[in-house]
Amino acid sequence: MNIKPSHVEKFKILYKETFKEEISDEEAFEQCLKLVLLIKATYIPISPTEKKRLKECYLGDLKK
């Protein structure tokens, strides 16, 4: 898995904004890697048709 140093820095910024704590580069890399692996394991691609149907379903409720 190739996680760039710029991604680690962005992760550290997001972490600090969210949890009001700073973390080390090593901790940020580990957490970033875990997040990427979680997304990779759970992501299920959807077709453009299904995406459109879901948008209409959920965004349609907002218009009411």
N, C-alpha and C. Protein backbone atom coordinates (compact mmCIF):
# COMPACT_ATOMS: atom_id res chain seq x y z
N MET A 1 0.86 -1.18 0.00
CA MET A 1 0.00 0.00 0.00
C MET A 1 0.90 1.24 0.00
N ASN A 2 0.68 2.11 -0.94
CA ASN A 2 1.51 3.30 -1.08
C ASN A 2 0.75 4.52 -0.56
N ILE A 3 1.06 4.93 0.65
CA ILE A 3 0.45 6.12 1.22
C ILE A 3 1.51 7.22 1.21
N LYS A 4 1.21 8.29 0.53
CA LYS A 4 2.15 9.38 0.35
C LYS A 4 2.26 10.21 1.63
N PRO A 5 3.43 10.82 1.85
CA PRO A 5 3.59 11.70 3.01
C PRO A 5 2.56 12.84 3.04
N SER A 6 2.15 13.32 1.87
CA SER A 6 1.14 14.39 1.84
C SER A 6 -0.20 13.89 2.37
N HIS A 7 -0.51 12.61 2.14
CA HIS A 7 -1.75 12.04 2.67
C HIS A 7 -1.68 11.92 4.19
N VAL A 8 -0.51 11.56 4.69
CA VAL A 8 -0.33 11.46 6.14
C VAL A 8 -0.51 12.84 6.78
N GLU A 9 0.04 13.86 6.15
CA GLU A 9 -0.10 15.23 6.68
C GLU A 9 -1.56 15.67 6.67
N LYS A 10 -2.27 15.39 5.59
CA LYS A 10 -3.70 15.74 5.53
C LYS A 10 -4.48 14.98 6.60
N PHE A 11 -4.13 13.71 6.81
CA PHE A 11 -4.79 12.91 7.84
C PHE A 11 -4.55 13.52 9.22
N LYS A 12 -3.32 13.95 9.48
CA LYS A 12 -3.00 14.58 10.77
C LYS A 12 -3.83 15.84 10.99
N ILE A 13 -4.00 16.62 9.95
CA ILE A 13 -4.80 17.85 10.05
C ILE A 13 -6.26 17.51 10.35
N LEU A 14 -6.81 16.56 9.62
CA LEU A 14 -8.20 16.14 9.86
C LEU A 14 -8.37 15.56 11.26
N TYR A 15 -7.40 14.78 11.70
CA TYR A 15 -7.47 14.18 13.03
C TYR A 15 -7.48 15.27 14.10
N LYS A 16 -6.61 16.25 13.95
CA LYS A 16 -6.54 17.34 14.92
C LYS A 16 -7.83 18.16 14.94
N GLU A 17 -8.38 18.43 13.77
CA GLU A 17 -9.64 19.18 13.69
C GLU A 17 -10.79 18.41 14.32
N THR A 18 -10.78 17.09 14.16
CA THR A 18 -11.87 16.25 14.66
C THR A 18 -11.75 15.96 16.15
N PHE A 19 -10.55 15.56 16.59
CA PHE A 19 -10.37 15.09 17.96
C PHE A 19 -9.63 16.07 18.86
N LYS A 20 -9.22 17.21 18.32
CA LYS A 20 -8.51 18.25 19.09
C LYS A 20 -7.23 17.72 19.74
N GLU A 21 -6.59 16.76 19.07
CA GLU A 21 -5.32 16.19 19.53
C GLU A 21 -4.37 16.07 18.36
N GLU A 22 -3.08 16.20 18.65
CA GLU A 22 -2.08 15.96 17.62
C GLU A 22 -1.56 14.54 17.76
N ILE A 23 -1.24 13.93 16.64
CA ILE A 23 -0.66 12.60 16.64
C ILE A 23 0.64 12.60 15.86
N SER A 24 1.48 11.62 16.15
CA SER A 24 2.78 11.53 15.47
C SER A 24 2.58 11.09 14.02
N ASP A 25 3.65 11.25 13.25
CA ASP A 25 3.61 10.80 11.86
C ASP A 25 3.37 9.30 11.79
N GLU A 26 3.99 8.56 12.69
CA GLU A 26 3.84 7.10 12.70
C GLU A 26 2.40 6.70 13.00
N GLU A 27 1.81 7.34 14.02
CA GLU A 27 0.41 7.04 14.38
C GLU A 27 -0.52 7.44 13.24
N ALA A 28 -0.27 8.57 12.62
CA ALA A 28 -1.10 9.02 11.50
C ALA A 28 -1.01 8.04 10.34
N PHE A 29 0.20 7.56 10.06
CA PHE A 29 0.37 6.59 8.98
C PHE A 29 -0.41 5.31 9.28
N GLU A 30 -0.29 4.81 10.50
CA GLU A 30 -0.99 3.58 10.88
C GLU A 30 -2.50 3.75 10.78
N GLN A 31 -3.02 4.86 11.29
CA GLN A 31 -4.46 5.10 11.24
C GLN A 31 -4.95 5.30 9.81
N CYS A 32 -4.16 5.99 9.02
CA CYS A 32 -4.50 6.21 7.60
C CYS A 32 -4.53 4.87 6.86
N LEU A 33 -3.56 4.03 7.11
CA LEU A 33 -3.50 2.72 6.48
C LEU A 33 -4.71 1.88 6.89
N LYS A 34 -5.06 1.88 8.17
CA LYS A 34 -6.22 1.13 8.64
C LYS A 34 -7.50 1.63 7.97
N LEU A 35 -7.63 2.93 7.81
CA LEU A 35 -8.81 3.49 7.16
C LEU A 35 -8.89 3.06 5.70
N VAL A 36 -7.78 3.13 5.00
CA VAL A 36 -7.75 2.71 3.59
C VAL A 36 -8.11 1.23 3.47
N LEU A 37 -7.55 0.40 4.34
CA LEU A 37 -7.84 -1.03 4.29
C LEU A 37 -9.30 -1.32 4.62
N LEU A 38 -9.87 -0.58 5.55
CA LEU A 38 -11.30 -0.74 5.88
C LEU A 38 -12.17 -0.39 4.68
N ILE A 39 -11.88 0.73 4.06
CA ILE A 39 -12.66 1.14 2.89
C ILE A 39 -12.50 0.13 1.76
N LYS A 40 -11.28 -0.34 1.55
CA LYS A 40 -11.02 -1.33 0.50
C LYS A 40 -11.80 -2.62 0.76
N ALA A 41 -11.91 -3.01 2.02
CA ALA A 41 -12.60 -4.26 2.38
C ALA A 41 -14.11 -4.13 2.30
N THR A 42 -14.65 -2.93 2.50
CA THR A 42 -16.10 -2.78 2.58
C THR A 42 -16.73 -2.10 1.37
N TYR A 43 -15.93 -1.52 0.50
CA TYR A 43 -16.46 -0.79 -0.65
C TYR A 43 -17.09 -1.74 -1.66
N ILE A 44 -18.28 -1.41 -2.07
CA ILE A 44 -18.96 -2.16 -3.12
C ILE A 44 -19.35 -1.16 -4.21
N PRO A 45 -18.77 -1.30 -5.39
CA PRO A 45 -19.11 -0.35 -6.46
C PRO A 45 -20.58 -0.50 -6.87
N ILE A 46 -21.17 0.61 -7.27
CA ILE A 46 -22.54 0.57 -7.76
C ILE A 46 -22.57 1.12 -9.18
N SER A 47 -23.55 0.68 -9.93
CA SER A 47 -23.67 1.10 -11.32
C SER A 47 -24.18 2.55 -11.37
N PRO A 48 -23.96 3.23 -12.48
CA PRO A 48 -24.50 4.58 -12.63
C PRO A 48 -26.03 4.62 -12.46
N THR A 49 -26.70 3.59 -12.93
CA THR A 49 -28.16 3.52 -12.80
C THR A 49 -28.57 3.45 -11.33
N GLU A 50 -27.88 2.60 -10.57
CA GLU A 50 -28.18 2.46 -9.14
C GLU A 50 -27.85 3.76 -8.40
N LYS A 51 -26.76 4.40 -8.78
CA LYS A 51 -26.38 5.67 -8.16
C LYS A 51 -27.46 6.72 -8.39
N LYS A 52 -27.98 6.79 -9.61
CA LYS A 52 -29.03 7.75 -9.94
C LYS A 52 -30.30 7.45 -9.13
N ARG A 53 -30.65 6.16 -9.02
CA ARG A 53 -31.83 5.77 -8.27
C ARG A 53 -31.70 6.15 -6.79
N LEU A 54 -30.52 5.93 -6.23
CA LEU A 54 -30.31 6.28 -4.83
C LEU A 54 -30.37 7.79 -4.61
N LYS A 55 -29.78 8.55 -5.53
CA LYS A 55 -29.85 10.01 -5.43
C LYS A 55 -31.29 10.49 -5.45
N GLU A 56 -32.06 9.97 -6.39
CA GLU A 56 -33.46 10.37 -6.50
C GLU A 56 -34.24 9.98 -5.24
N CYS A 57 -33.95 8.83 -4.73
CA CYS A 57 -34.64 8.34 -3.54
C CYS A 57 -34.35 9.24 -2.33
N TYR A 58 -33.07 9.51 -2.08
CA TYR A 58 -32.70 10.26 -0.89
C TYR A 58 -32.83 11.77 -1.06
N LEU A 59 -32.47 12.28 -2.22
CA LEU A 59 -32.57 13.72 -2.44
C LEU A 59 -34.02 14.11 -2.69
N GLY A 60 -34.81 13.21 -3.21
CA GLY A 60 -36.23 13.47 -3.41
C GLY A 60 -36.95 13.73 -2.09
N ASP A 61 -36.52 13.05 -1.03
CA ASP A 61 -37.11 13.26 0.29
C ASP A 61 -36.80 14.66 0.81
N LEU A 62 -35.67 15.23 0.43
CA LEU A 62 -35.31 16.55 0.89
C LEU A 62 -36.16 17.64 0.26
N LYS A 63 -36.69 17.37 -0.92
CA LYS A 63 -37.49 18.36 -1.63
C LYS A 63 -38.91 18.46 -1.09
N LYS A 64 -39.33 17.45 -0.34
CA LYS A 64 -40.70 17.44 0.19
C LYS A 64 -40.86 18.32 1.38
